[in-house]
Amino acid sequence: LPDEPNFQIVAGTAIAAPGASIVLPAVANAKVDYE
């Protein structure tokens, strides 16, 4: 476990609304995971 927070920055365009589809991308659709 890290002594300090481990972080990454991701694109704001990734946001989706409640009830919207999580779209499996054509270039990486086999191992899409939830968190």
All heavy atoms as atom14 arrays in JSON, in Angstrom:
{
  "sequence": "LPDEPNFQIVAGTAIAAPGASIVLPAVANAKVDYE",
  "atom14_mask": [
    [1, 1, 1, 1, 1, 1, 1, 1, 0, 0, 0, 0, 0, 0],
    [1, 1, 1, 1, 1, 1, 1, 0, 0, 0, 0, 0, 0, 0],
    [1, 1, 1, 1, 1, 1, 1, 1, 0, 0, 0, 0, 0, 0],
    [1, 1, 1, 1, 1, 1, 1, 1, 1, 0, 0, 0, 0, 0],
    [1, 1, 1, 1, 1, 1, 1, 0, 0, 0, 0, 0, 0, 0],
    [1, 1, 1, 1, 1, 1, 1, 1, 0, 0, 0, 0, 0, 0],
    [1, 1, 1, 1, 1, 1, 1, 1, 1, 1, 1, 0, 0, 0],
    [1, 1, 1, 1, 1, 1, 1, 1, 1, 0, 0, 0, 0, 0],
    [1, 1, 1, 1, 1, 1, 1, 1, 0, 0, 0, 0, 0, 0],
    [1, 1, 1, 1, 1, 1, 1, 0, 0, 0, 0, 0, 0, 0],
    [1, 1, 1, 1, 1, 0, 0, 0, 0, 0, 0, 0, 0, 0],
    [1, 1, 1, 1, 0, 0, 0, 0, 0, 0, 0, 0, 0, 0],
    [1, 1, 1, 1, 1, 1, 1, 0, 0, 0, 0, 0, 0, 0],
    [1, 1, 1, 1, 1, 0, 0, 0, 0, 0, 0, 0, 0, 0],
    [1, 1, 1, 1, 1, 1, 1, 1, 0, 0, 0, 0, 0, 0],
    [1, 1, 1, 1, 1, 0, 0, 0, 0, 0, 0, 0, 0, 0],
    [1, 1, 1, 1, 1, 0, 0, 0, 0, 0, 0, 0, 0, 0],
    [1, 1, 1, 1, 1, 1, 1, 0, 0, 0, 0, 0, 0, 0],
    [1, 1, 1, 1, 0, 0, 0, 0, 0, 0, 0, 0, 0, 0],
    [1, 1, 1, 1, 1, 0, 0, 0, 0, 0, 0, 0, 0, 0],
    [1, 1, 1, 1, 1, 1, 0, 0, 0, 0, 0, 0, 0, 0],
    [1, 1, 1, 1, 1, 1, 1, 1, 0, 0, 0, 0, 0, 0],
    [1, 1, 1, 1, 1, 1, 1, 0, 0, 0, 0, 0, 0, 0],
    [1, 1, 1, 1, 1, 1, 1, 1, 0, 0, 0, 0, 0, 0],
    [1, 1, 1, 1, 1, 1, 1, 0, 0, 0, 0, 0, 0, 0],
    [1, 1, 1, 1, 1, 0, 0, 0, 0, 0, 0, 0, 0, 0],
    [1, 1, 1, 1, 1, 1, 1, 0, 0, 0, 0, 0, 0, 0],
    [1, 1, 1, 1, 1, 0, 0, 0, 0, 0, 0, 0, 0, 0],
    [1, 1, 1, 1, 1, 1, 1, 1, 0, 0, 0, 0, 0, 0],
    [1, 1, 1, 1, 1, 0, 0, 0, 0, 0, 0, 0, 0, 0],
    [1, 1, 1, 1, 1, 1, 1, 1, 1, 0, 0, 0, 0, 0],
    [1, 1, 1, 1, 1, 1, 1, 0, 0, 0, 0, 0, 0, 0],
    [1, 1, 1, 1, 1, 1, 1, 1, 0, 0, 0, 0, 0, 0],
    [1, 1, 1, 1, 1, 1, 1, 1, 1, 1, 1, 1, 0, 0],
    [1, 1, 1, 1, 1, 1, 1, 1, 1, 0, 0, 0, 0, 0]
  ],
  "atom14_positions": [
    [[0.84, -1.19, 0.0], [0.0, 0.0, 0.0], [0.88, 1.24, 0.0], [1.88, 1.31, 0.73], [-0.92, -0.01, 1.22], [-1.95, -1.16, 1.23], [-2.75, -1.13, 2.51], [-2.87, -1.09, 0.03], [0.0, 0.0, 0.0], [0.0, 0.0, 0.0], [0.0, 0.0, 0.0], [0.0, 0.0, 0.0], [0.0, 0.0, 0.0], [0.0, 0.0, 0.0]],
    [[0.53, 2.24, -0.81], [1.42, 3.39, -0.98], [1.46, 4.3, 0.25], [0.45, 4.5, 0.93], [0.8, 4.13, -2.18], [-0.64, 3.73, -2.17], [-0.67, 2.32, -1.65], [0.0, 0.0, 0.0], [0.0, 0.0, 0.0], [0.0, 0.0, 0.0], [0.0, 0.0, 0.0], [0.0, 0.0, 0.0], [0.0, 0.0, 0.0], [0.0, 0.0, 0.0]],
    [[2.64, 4.85, 0.51], [2.78, 5.81, 1.6], [2.11, 7.13, 1.27], [1.68, 7.86, 2.17], [4.26, 6.05, 1.9], [4.96, 4.82, 2.46], [4.29, 4.02, 3.13], [6.16, 4.66, 2.21], [0.0, 0.0, 0.0], [0.0, 0.0, 0.0], [0.0, 0.0, 0.0], [0.0, 0.0, 0.0], [0.0, 0.0, 0.0], [0.0, 0.0, 0.0]],
    [[2.03, 7.45, -0.01], [1.35, 8.66, -0.49], [0.34, 8.25, -1.55], [0.5, 7.2, -2.2], [2.37, 9.66, -1.07], [3.36, 10.17, -0.03], [4.35, 11.15, -0.64], [4.78, 10.94, -1.79], [4.68, 12.14, 0.04], [0.0, 0.0, 0.0], [0.0, 0.0, 0.0], [0.0, 0.0, 0.0], [0.0, 0.0, 0.0], [0.0, 0.0, 0.0]],
    [[-0.71, 9.05, -1.77], [-1.73, 8.67, -2.75], [-1.13, 8.43, -4.13], [-0.31, 9.21, -4.62], [-2.69, 9.86, -2.74], [-2.54, 10.44, -1.38], [-1.09, 10.27, -1.03], [0.0, 0.0, 0.0], [0.0, 0.0, 0.0], [0.0, 0.0, 0.0], [0.0, 0.0, 0.0], [0.0, 0.0, 0.0], [0.0, 0.0, 0.0], [0.0, 0.0, 0.0]],
    [[-1.54, 7.33, -4.73], [-1.16, 6.98, -6.1], [-2.25, 7.51, -7.03], [-3.42, 7.2, -6.85], [-1.04, 5.45, -6.19], [-0.87, 4.93, -7.59], [-1.82, 4.92, -8.36], [0.32, 4.49, -7.92], [0.0, 0.0, 0.0], [0.0, 0.0, 0.0], [0.0, 0.0, 0.0], [0.0, 0.0, 0.0], [0.0, 0.0, 0.0], [0.0, 0.0, 0.0]],
    [[-1.86, 8.32, -8.03], [-2.93, 8.91, -8.85], [-2.59, 8.93, -10.33], [-1.43, 8.9, -10.73], [-3.3, 10.31, -8.36], [-2.3, 11.4, -8.7], [-2.47, 12.17, -9.85], [-1.23, 11.68, -7.87], [-1.58, 13.19, -10.16], [-0.34, 12.69, -8.16], [-0.51, 13.45, -9.31], [0.0, 0.0, 0.0], [0.0, 0.0, 0.0], [0.0, 0.0, 0.0]],
    [[-3.66, 8.98, -11.13], [-3.6, 9.12, -12.58], [-4.61, 10.2, -12.98], [-5.6, 10.43, -12.27], [-3.97, 7.82, -13.3], [-3.17, 6.61, -12.87], [-1.75, 6.63, -13.39], [-1.47, 7.22, -14.43], [-0.83, 5.99, -12.66], [0.0, 0.0, 0.0], [0.0, 0.0, 0.0], [0.0, 0.0, 0.0], [0.0, 0.0, 0.0], [0.0, 0.0, 0.0]],
    [[-4.36, 10.83, -14.12], [-5.31, 11.82, -14.67], [-5.94, 11.22, -15.91], [-5.25, 10.67, -16.78], [-4.6, 13.14, -15.01], [-3.94, 13.72, -13.76], [-5.6, 14.14, -15.6], [-3.13, 14.98, -14.03], [0.0, 0.0, 0.0], [0.0, 0.0, 0.0], [0.0, 0.0, 0.0], [0.0, 0.0, 0.0], [0.0, 0.0, 0.0], [0.0, 0.0, 0.0]],
    [[-7.27, 11.31, -16.01], [-7.98, 10.78, -17.18], [-8.85, 11.88, -17.78], [-9.08, 12.94, -17.19], [-8.81, 9.54, -16.84], [-7.94, 8.46, -16.19], [-9.97, 9.87, -15.93], [0.0, 0.0, 0.0], [0.0, 0.0, 0.0], [0.0, 0.0, 0.0], [0.0, 0.0, 0.0], [0.0, 0.0, 0.0], [0.0, 0.0, 0.0], [0.0, 0.0, 0.0]],
    [[-9.35, 11.61, -18.97], [-10.07, 12.6, -19.75], [-11.44, 12.91, -19.17], [-12.19, 12.01, -18.78], [-10.23, 12.12, -21.19], [0.0, 0.0, 0.0], [0.0, 0.0, 0.0], [0.0, 0.0, 0.0], [0.0, 0.0, 0.0], [0.0, 0.0, 0.0], [0.0, 0.0, 0.0], [0.0, 0.0, 0.0], [0.0, 0.0, 0.0], [0.0, 0.0, 0.0]],
    [[-11.79, 14.2, -19.14], [-13.12, 14.6, -18.69], [-14.23, 14.1, -19.58], [-15.38, 13.96, -19.15], [0.0, 0.0, 0.0], [0.0, 0.0, 0.0], [0.0, 0.0, 0.0], [0.0, 0.0, 0.0], [0.0, 0.0, 0.0], [0.0, 0.0, 0.0], [0.0, 0.0, 0.0], [0.0, 0.0, 0.0], [0.0, 0.0, 0.0], [0.0, 0.0, 0.0]],
    [[-13.92, 13.79, -20.85], [-14.92, 13.29, -21.79], [-15.36, 11.86, -21.47], [-16.27, 11.34, -22.12], [-14.38, 13.35, -23.22], [-13.08, 12.75, -23.25], [-14.28, 14.78, -23.72], [0.0, 0.0, 0.0], [0.0, 0.0, 0.0], [0.0, 0.0, 0.0], [0.0, 0.0, 0.0], [0.0, 0.0, 0.0], [0.0, 0.0, 0.0], [0.0, 0.0, 0.0]],
    [[-14.73, 11.22, -20.48], [-15.13, 9.86, -20.09], [-16.42, 9.84, -19.28], [-17.02, 8.78, -19.1], [-14.01, 9.2, -19.29], [0.0, 0.0, 0.0], [0.0, 0.0, 0.0], [0.0, 0.0, 0.0], [0.0, 0.0, 0.0], [0.0, 0.0, 0.0], [0.0, 0.0, 0.0], [0.0, 0.0, 0.0], [0.0, 0.0, 0.0], [0.0, 0.0, 0.0]],
    [[-16.89, 10.99, -18.8], [-18.09, 11.05, -17.95], [-19.33, 10.56, -18.71], [-19.52, 10.87, -19.9], [-18.32, 12.48, -17.44], [-17.22, 12.9, -16.48], [-19.69, 12.61, -16.77], [-17.21, 12.17, -15.14], [0.0, 0.0, 0.0], [0.0, 0.0, 0.0], [0.0, 0.0, 0.0], [0.0, 0.0, 0.0], [0.0, 0.0, 0.0], [0.0, 0.0, 0.0]],
    [[-20.15, 9.77, -18.01], [-21.44, 9.33, -18.56], [-22.51, 9.53, -17.5], [-22.23, 9.58, -16.29], [-21.38, 7.86, -18.97], [0.0, 0.0, 0.0], [0.0, 0.0, 0.0], [0.0, 0.0, 0.0], [0.0, 0.0, 0.0], [0.0, 0.0, 0.0], [0.0, 0.0, 0.0], [0.0, 0.0, 0.0], [0.0, 0.0, 0.0], [0.0, 0.0, 0.0]],
    [[-23.74, 9.63, -17.93], [-24.86, 9.89, -17.04], [-25.36, 8.61, -16.38], [-25.13, 7.5, -16.9], [-26.01, 10.53, -17.82], [0.0, 0.0, 0.0], [0.0, 0.0, 0.0], [0.0, 0.0, 0.0], [0.0, 0.0, 0.0], [0.0, 0.0, 0.0], [0.0, 0.0, 0.0], [0.0, 0.0, 0.0], [0.0, 0.0, 0.0], [0.0, 0.0, 0.0]],
    [[-26.06, 8.72, -15.27], [-26.76, 7.56, -14.72], [-27.71, 6.98, -15.78], [-28.39, 7.72, -16.49], [-27.55, 8.15, -13.55], [-26.83, 9.39, -13.17], [-26.28, 9.94, -14.45], [0.0, 0.0, 0.0], [0.0, 0.0, 0.0], [0.0, 0.0, 0.0], [0.0, 0.0, 0.0], [0.0, 0.0, 0.0], [0.0, 0.0, 0.0], [0.0, 0.0, 0.0]],
    [[-27.73, 5.67, -15.89], [-28.61, 5.02, -16.86], [-28.05, 4.92, -18.26], [-28.61, 4.22, -19.1], [0.0, 0.0, 0.0], [0.0, 0.0, 0.0], [0.0, 0.0, 0.0], [0.0, 0.0, 0.0], [0.0, 0.0, 0.0], [0.0, 0.0, 0.0], [0.0, 0.0, 0.0], [0.0, 0.0, 0.0], [0.0, 0.0, 0.0], [0.0, 0.0, 0.0]],
    [[-26.95, 5.62, -18.53], [-26.36, 5.58, -19.87], [-25.6, 4.28, -20.09], [-25.25, 3.57, -19.14], [-25.43, 6.78, -20.07], [0.0, 0.0, 0.0], [0.0, 0.0, 0.0], [0.0, 0.0, 0.0], [0.0, 0.0, 0.0], [0.0, 0.0, 0.0], [0.0, 0.0, 0.0], [0.0, 0.0, 0.0], [0.0, 0.0, 0.0], [0.0, 0.0, 0.0]],
    [[-25.31, 3.99, -21.34], [-24.54, 2.79, -21.67], [-23.06, 3.01, -21.41], [-22.51, 4.07, -21.74], [-24.73, 2.42, -23.14], [-26.03, 1.98, -23.39], [0.0, 0.0, 0.0], [0.0, 0.0, 0.0], [0.0, 0.0, 0.0], [0.0, 0.0, 0.0], [0.0, 0.0, 0.0], [0.0, 0.0, 0.0], [0.0, 0.0, 0.0], [0.0, 0.0, 0.0]],
    [[-22.42, 2.0, -20.83], [-20.97, 1.9, -20.84], [-20.63, 1.2, -22.15], [-21.01, 0.04, -22.36], [-20.47, 1.09, -19.63], [-20.83, 1.8, -18.33], [-18.97, 0.85, -19.73], [-20.66, 0.92, -17.1], [0.0, 0.0, 0.0], [0.0, 0.0, 0.0], [0.0, 0.0, 0.0], [0.0, 0.0, 0.0], [0.0, 0.0, 0.0], [0.0, 0.0, 0.0]],
    [[-19.94, 1.89, -23.03], [-19.71, 1.37, -24.38], [-18.39, 0.62, -24.43], [-17.33, 1.18, -24.11], [-19.73, 2.51, -25.41], [-19.47, 1.96, -26.81], [-21.07, 3.24, -25.37], [0.0, 0.0, 0.0], [0.0, 0.0, 0.0], [0.0, 0.0, 0.0], [0.0, 0.0, 0.0], [0.0, 0.0, 0.0], [0.0, 0.0, 0.0], [0.0, 0.0, 0.0]],
    [[-18.44, -0.64, -24.82], [-17.22, -1.42, -24.98], [-16.49, -0.95, -26.23], [-17.02, -1.07, -27.34], [-17.56, -2.9, -25.11], [-18.32, -3.54, -23.94], [-18.67, -4.99, -24.25], [-17.5, -3.45, -22.66], [0.0, 0.0, 0.0], [0.0, 0.0, 0.0], [0.0, 0.0, 0.0], [0.0, 0.0, 0.0], [0.0, 0.0, 0.0], [0.0, 0.0, 0.0]],
    [[-15.29, -0.38, -26.1], [-14.62, 0.18, -27.26], [-14.11, -0.9, -28.2], [-13.67, -1.97, -27.77], [-13.45, 0.97, -26.65], [-13.19, 0.31, -25.35], [-14.51, -0.21, -24.86], [0.0, 0.0, 0.0], [0.0, 0.0, 0.0], [0.0, 0.0, 0.0], [0.0, 0.0, 0.0], [0.0, 0.0, 0.0], [0.0, 0.0, 0.0], [0.0, 0.0, 0.0]],
    [[-14.16, -0.62, -29.5], [-13.75, -1.61, -30.5], [-12.3, -2.03, -30.32], [-11.95, -3.18, -30.57], [-13.99, -1.06, -31.9], [0.0, 0.0, 0.0], [0.0, 0.0, 0.0], [0.0, 0.0, 0.0], [0.0, 0.0, 0.0], [0.0, 0.0, 0.0], [0.0, 0.0, 0.0], [0.0, 0.0, 0.0], [0.0, 0.0, 0.0], [0.0, 0.0, 0.0]],
    [[-11.45, -1.11, -29.88], [-10.01, -1.42, -29.8], [-9.63, -2.13, -28.5], [-8.5, -2.59, -28.36], [-9.15, -0.13, -29.93], [-9.37, 0.5, -31.29], [-9.45, 0.86, -28.82], [0.0, 0.0, 0.0], [0.0, 0.0, 0.0], [0.0, 0.0, 0.0], [0.0, 0.0, 0.0], [0.0, 0.0, 0.0], [0.0, 0.0, 0.0], [0.0, 0.0, 0.0]],
    [[-10.56, -2.23, -27.56], [-10.24, -2.86, -26.27], [-11.53, -3.29, -25.59], [-11.93, -2.74, -24.58], [-9.46, -1.9, -25.38], [0.0, 0.0, 0.0], [0.0, 0.0, 0.0], [0.0, 0.0, 0.0], [0.0, 0.0, 0.0], [0.0, 0.0, 0.0], [0.0, 0.0, 0.0], [0.0, 0.0, 0.0], [0.0, 0.0, 0.0], [0.0, 0.0, 0.0]],
    [[-12.17, -4.32, -26.14], [-13.5, -4.7, -25.63], [-13.52, -6.01, -24.86], [-14.56, -6.41, -24.35], [-14.51, -4.77, -26.77], [-14.11, -5.76, -27.86], [-13.29, -6.66, -27.62], [-14.69, -5.62, -29.04], [0.0, 0.0, 0.0], [0.0, 0.0, 0.0], [0.0, 0.0, 0.0], [0.0, 0.0, 0.0], [0.0, 0.0, 0.0], [0.0, 0.0, 0.0]],
    [[-12.38, -6.68, -24.73], [-12.38, -8.03, -24.16], [-12.23, -8.06, -22.65], [-12.66, -9.02, -22.0], [-11.28, -8.87, -24.81], [0.0, 0.0, 0.0], [0.0, 0.0, 0.0], [0.0, 0.0, 0.0], [0.0, 0.0, 0.0], [0.0, 0.0, 0.0], [0.0, 0.0, 0.0], [0.0, 0.0, 0.0], [0.0, 0.0, 0.0], [0.0, 0.0, 0.0]],
    [[-11.59, -7.05, -22.07], [-11.28, -7.08, -20.64], [-11.65, -5.76, -19.97], [-10.85, -5.14, -19.27], [-9.8, -7.4, -20.43], [-9.42, -8.8, -20.89], [-7.97, -9.14, -20.57], [-7.65, -10.57, -20.98], [-6.25, -10.94, -20.66], [0.0, 0.0, 0.0], [0.0, 0.0, 0.0], [0.0, 0.0, 0.0], [0.0, 0.0, 0.0], [0.0, 0.0, 0.0]],
    [[-12.88, -5.35, -20.17], [-13.39, -4.12, -19.57], [-13.94, -4.47, -18.18], [-14.71, -5.41, -18.02], [-14.45, -3.47, -20.45], [-15.07, -2.26, -19.76], [-13.83, -3.06, -21.79], [0.0, 0.0, 0.0], [0.0, 0.0, 0.0], [0.0, 0.0, 0.0], [0.0, 0.0, 0.0], [0.0, 0.0, 0.0], [0.0, 0.0, 0.0], [0.0, 0.0, 0.0]],
    [[-13.55, -3.68, -17.19], [-13.81, -4.0, -15.79], [-14.49, -2.82, -15.1], [-14.32, -1.66, -15.49], [-12.47, -4.3, -15.1], [-12.61, -5.14, -13.84], [-13.75, -5.43, -13.43], [-11.56, -5.5, -13.27], [0.0, 0.0, 0.0], [0.0, 0.0, 0.0], [0.0, 0.0, 0.0], [0.0, 0.0, 0.0], [0.0, 0.0, 0.0], [0.0, 0.0, 0.0]],
    [[-15.25, -3.12, -14.05], [-15.92, -2.12, -13.22], [-15.05, -1.83, -11.99], [-14.25, -2.66, -11.55], [-17.27, -2.66, -12.75], [-17.13, -3.98, -12.02], [-16.87, -4.03, -10.66], [-17.19, -5.18, -12.72], [-16.68, -5.23, -10.0], [-17.01, -6.4, -12.07], [-16.75, -6.41, -10.71], [-16.54, -7.62, -10.08], [0.0, 0.0, 0.0], [0.0, 0.0, 0.0]],
    [[-15.24, -0.65, -11.4], [-14.67, -0.31, -10.1], [-15.62, 0.64, -9.41], [-15.69, 1.82, -9.76], [-13.28, 0.35, -10.24], [-12.2, -0.55, -10.82], [-10.82, 0.09, -10.79], [-10.59, 0.99, -9.93], [-9.98, -0.27, -11.64], [0.0, 0.0, 0.0], [0.0, 0.0, 0.0], [0.0, 0.0, 0.0], [0.0, 0.0, 0.0], [0.0, 0.0, 0.0]]
  ]
}
